Amino acid sequence: MLILVALLGMVPAARATGIGSDIQRPLATVVVGGLLSTLFLTLLVLPSLYYLTAKKGER
């Protein structure tokens, strides 16, 4: 939930076209990319890795 709130705050900065957007847009794009990759890793990759390692430990 925290990542989604942070994304909602950064998306307008990534879409900015006004004064100062040449500095603001690249930074916001990097932050949004990092937040999305963190969300993907947390929700999909880490649970599947845990499942695979826990399954091997049972045998």
N, C-alpha and C. Protein backbone atom coordinates (compact mmCIF):
# COMPACT_ATOMS: atom_id res chain seq x y z
N MET A 1 0.83 -1.18 0.00
CA MET A 1 0.00 0.00 0.00
C MET A 1 0.88 1.26 0.00
N LEU A 2 1.97 1.20 0.73
CA LEU A 2 2.87 2.34 0.79
C LEU A 2 3.49 2.63 -0.58
N ILE A 3 3.83 1.60 -1.31
CA ILE A 3 4.41 1.78 -2.64
C ILE A 3 3.39 2.41 -3.58
N LEU A 4 2.15 1.97 -3.50
CA LEU A 4 1.12 2.53 -4.37
C LEU A 4 0.87 4.01 -4.08
N VAL A 5 0.91 4.39 -2.82
CA VAL A 5 0.74 5.80 -2.46
C VAL A 5 1.93 6.62 -2.97
N ALA A 6 3.13 6.08 -2.83
CA ALA A 6 4.31 6.79 -3.34
C ALA A 6 4.25 6.92 -4.86
N LEU A 7 3.76 5.88 -5.54
CA LEU A 7 3.62 5.96 -7.00
C LEU A 7 2.62 7.04 -7.40
N LEU A 8 1.52 7.12 -6.68
CA LEU A 8 0.53 8.15 -6.99
C LEU A 8 1.11 9.55 -6.83
N GLY A 9 2.04 9.71 -5.93
CA GLY A 9 2.68 11.01 -5.74
C GLY A 9 3.74 11.31 -6.78
N MET A 10 4.37 10.28 -7.34
CA MET A 10 5.46 10.49 -8.28
C MET A 10 5.01 10.54 -9.73
N VAL A 11 3.87 9.97 -10.05
CA VAL A 11 3.42 9.95 -11.44
C VAL A 11 3.21 11.36 -12.01
N PRO A 12 2.60 12.29 -11.27
CA PRO A 12 2.49 13.65 -11.83
C PRO A 12 3.85 14.30 -12.08
N ALA A 13 4.82 14.00 -11.26
CA ALA A 13 6.17 14.55 -11.47
C ALA A 13 6.81 13.94 -12.71
N ALA A 14 6.52 12.68 -12.97
CA ALA A 14 7.07 12.02 -14.16
C ALA A 14 6.39 12.51 -15.43
N ARG A 15 5.17 12.99 -15.33
CA ARG A 15 4.42 13.45 -16.49
C ARG A 15 4.50 14.97 -16.68
N ALA A 16 5.28 15.65 -15.87
CA ALA A 16 5.34 17.11 -15.88
C ALA A 16 5.91 17.63 -17.21
N THR A 17 5.41 18.79 -17.63
CA THR A 17 5.91 19.41 -18.85
C THR A 17 6.26 20.88 -18.65
N GLY A 18 6.08 21.40 -17.46
CA GLY A 18 6.28 22.82 -17.20
C GLY A 18 7.73 23.17 -16.92
N ILE A 19 7.90 24.32 -16.27
CA ILE A 19 9.23 24.80 -15.92
C ILE A 19 9.85 23.86 -14.89
N GLY A 20 11.09 23.48 -15.09
CA GLY A 20 11.78 22.60 -14.17
C GLY A 20 11.55 21.13 -14.44
N SER A 21 10.75 20.82 -15.43
CA SER A 21 10.46 19.41 -15.69
C SER A 21 11.66 18.67 -16.28
N ASP A 22 12.61 19.39 -16.88
CA ASP A 22 13.79 18.74 -17.43
C ASP A 22 14.65 18.13 -16.33
N ILE A 23 14.57 18.66 -15.13
CA ILE A 23 15.28 18.08 -13.98
C ILE A 23 14.40 17.09 -13.24
N GLN A 24 13.15 17.41 -13.13
CA GLN A 24 12.21 16.63 -12.32
C GLN A 24 11.82 15.31 -12.97
N ARG A 25 11.61 15.30 -14.27
CA ARG A 25 11.11 14.12 -14.96
C ARG A 25 12.06 12.92 -14.90
N PRO A 26 13.36 13.07 -15.18
CA PRO A 26 14.24 11.89 -15.09
C PRO A 26 14.33 11.30 -13.69
N LEU A 27 14.37 12.15 -12.68
CA LEU A 27 14.42 11.66 -11.31
C LEU A 27 13.14 10.90 -10.96
N ALA A 28 12.00 11.46 -11.31
CA ALA A 28 10.73 10.80 -11.01
C ALA A 28 10.60 9.48 -11.78
N THR A 29 11.10 9.44 -13.00
CA THR A 29 11.04 8.21 -13.79
C THR A 29 11.86 7.11 -13.13
N VAL A 30 13.04 7.45 -12.64
CA VAL A 30 13.88 6.46 -11.96
C VAL A 30 13.20 5.97 -10.68
N VAL A 31 12.62 6.88 -9.93
CA VAL A 31 11.95 6.51 -8.68
C VAL A 31 10.74 5.62 -8.96
N VAL A 32 9.95 5.97 -9.97
CA VAL A 32 8.78 5.15 -10.32
C VAL A 32 9.23 3.77 -10.77
N GLY A 33 10.27 3.68 -11.56
CA GLY A 33 10.80 2.38 -11.99
C GLY A 33 11.28 1.55 -10.81
N GLY A 34 11.95 2.17 -9.88
CA GLY A 34 12.41 1.46 -8.70
C GLY A 34 11.26 0.97 -7.84
N LEU A 35 10.24 1.79 -7.68
CA LEU A 35 9.08 1.39 -6.89
C LEU A 35 8.32 0.24 -7.55
N LEU A 36 8.19 0.29 -8.87
CA LEU A 36 7.49 -0.79 -9.57
C LEU A 36 8.28 -2.10 -9.50
N SER A 37 9.60 -2.02 -9.64
CA SER A 37 10.40 -3.24 -9.55
C SER A 37 10.38 -3.80 -8.12
N THR A 38 10.36 -2.93 -7.12
CA THR A 38 10.25 -3.39 -5.74
C THR A 38 8.91 -4.07 -5.50
N LEU A 39 7.85 -3.49 -6.04
CA LEU A 39 6.52 -4.09 -5.90
C LEU A 39 6.47 -5.47 -6.56
N PHE A 40 7.05 -5.59 -7.75
CA PHE A 40 7.09 -6.87 -8.46
C PHE A 40 7.88 -7.90 -7.68
N LEU A 41 9.05 -7.51 -7.18
CA LEU A 41 9.87 -8.45 -6.41
C LEU A 41 9.19 -8.89 -5.13
N THR A 42 8.57 -7.96 -4.44
CA THR A 42 7.95 -8.27 -3.16
C THR A 42 6.73 -9.16 -3.31
N LEU A 43 5.92 -8.92 -4.33
CA LEU A 43 4.67 -9.65 -4.46
C LEU A 43 4.78 -10.95 -5.24
N LEU A 44 5.75 -11.07 -6.13
CA LEU A 44 5.82 -12.26 -6.99
C LEU A 44 7.08 -13.10 -6.80
N VAL A 45 8.23 -12.47 -6.84
CA VAL A 45 9.48 -13.22 -6.87
C VAL A 45 9.83 -13.79 -5.49
N LEU A 46 9.81 -12.98 -4.46
CA LEU A 46 10.20 -13.46 -3.14
C LEU A 46 9.29 -14.56 -2.59
N PRO A 47 7.96 -14.46 -2.72
CA PRO A 47 7.13 -15.58 -2.25
C PRO A 47 7.38 -16.87 -3.03
N SER A 48 7.62 -16.77 -4.32
CA SER A 48 7.88 -17.99 -5.10
C SER A 48 9.22 -18.61 -4.71
N LEU A 49 10.23 -17.78 -4.47
CA LEU A 49 11.51 -18.33 -4.01
C LEU A 49 11.39 -18.98 -2.64
N TYR A 50 10.61 -18.36 -1.77
CA TYR A 50 10.39 -18.95 -0.45
C TYR A 50 9.67 -20.30 -0.58
N TYR A 51 8.69 -20.36 -1.45
CA TYR A 51 7.94 -21.60 -1.66
C TYR A 51 8.87 -22.71 -2.17
N LEU A 52 9.75 -22.37 -3.10
CA LEU A 52 10.66 -23.38 -3.64
C LEU A 52 11.66 -23.86 -2.59
N THR A 53 12.19 -22.95 -1.79
CA THR A 53 13.17 -23.36 -0.78
C THR A 53 12.50 -24.09 0.38
N ALA A 54 11.29 -23.71 0.76
CA ALA A 54 10.59 -24.39 1.84
C ALA A 54 10.18 -25.78 1.41
N LYS A 55 9.85 -25.96 0.16
CA LYS A 55 9.45 -27.26 -0.35
C LYS A 55 10.65 -28.23 -0.34
N LYS A 56 11.84 -27.73 -0.66
CA LYS A 56 13.03 -28.58 -0.65
C LYS A 56 13.41 -28.97 0.77
N GLY A 57 13.13 -28.10 1.74
CA GLY A 57 13.48 -28.37 3.13
C GLY A 57 12.60 -29.45 3.76
N GLU A 58 11.41 -29.69 3.21
CA GLU A 58 10.50 -30.69 3.77
C GLU A 58 10.96 -32.10 3.46
N ARG A 59 11.64 -32.30 2.36
CA ARG A 59 12.03 -33.65 1.92
C ARG A 59 13.11 -34.21 2.72
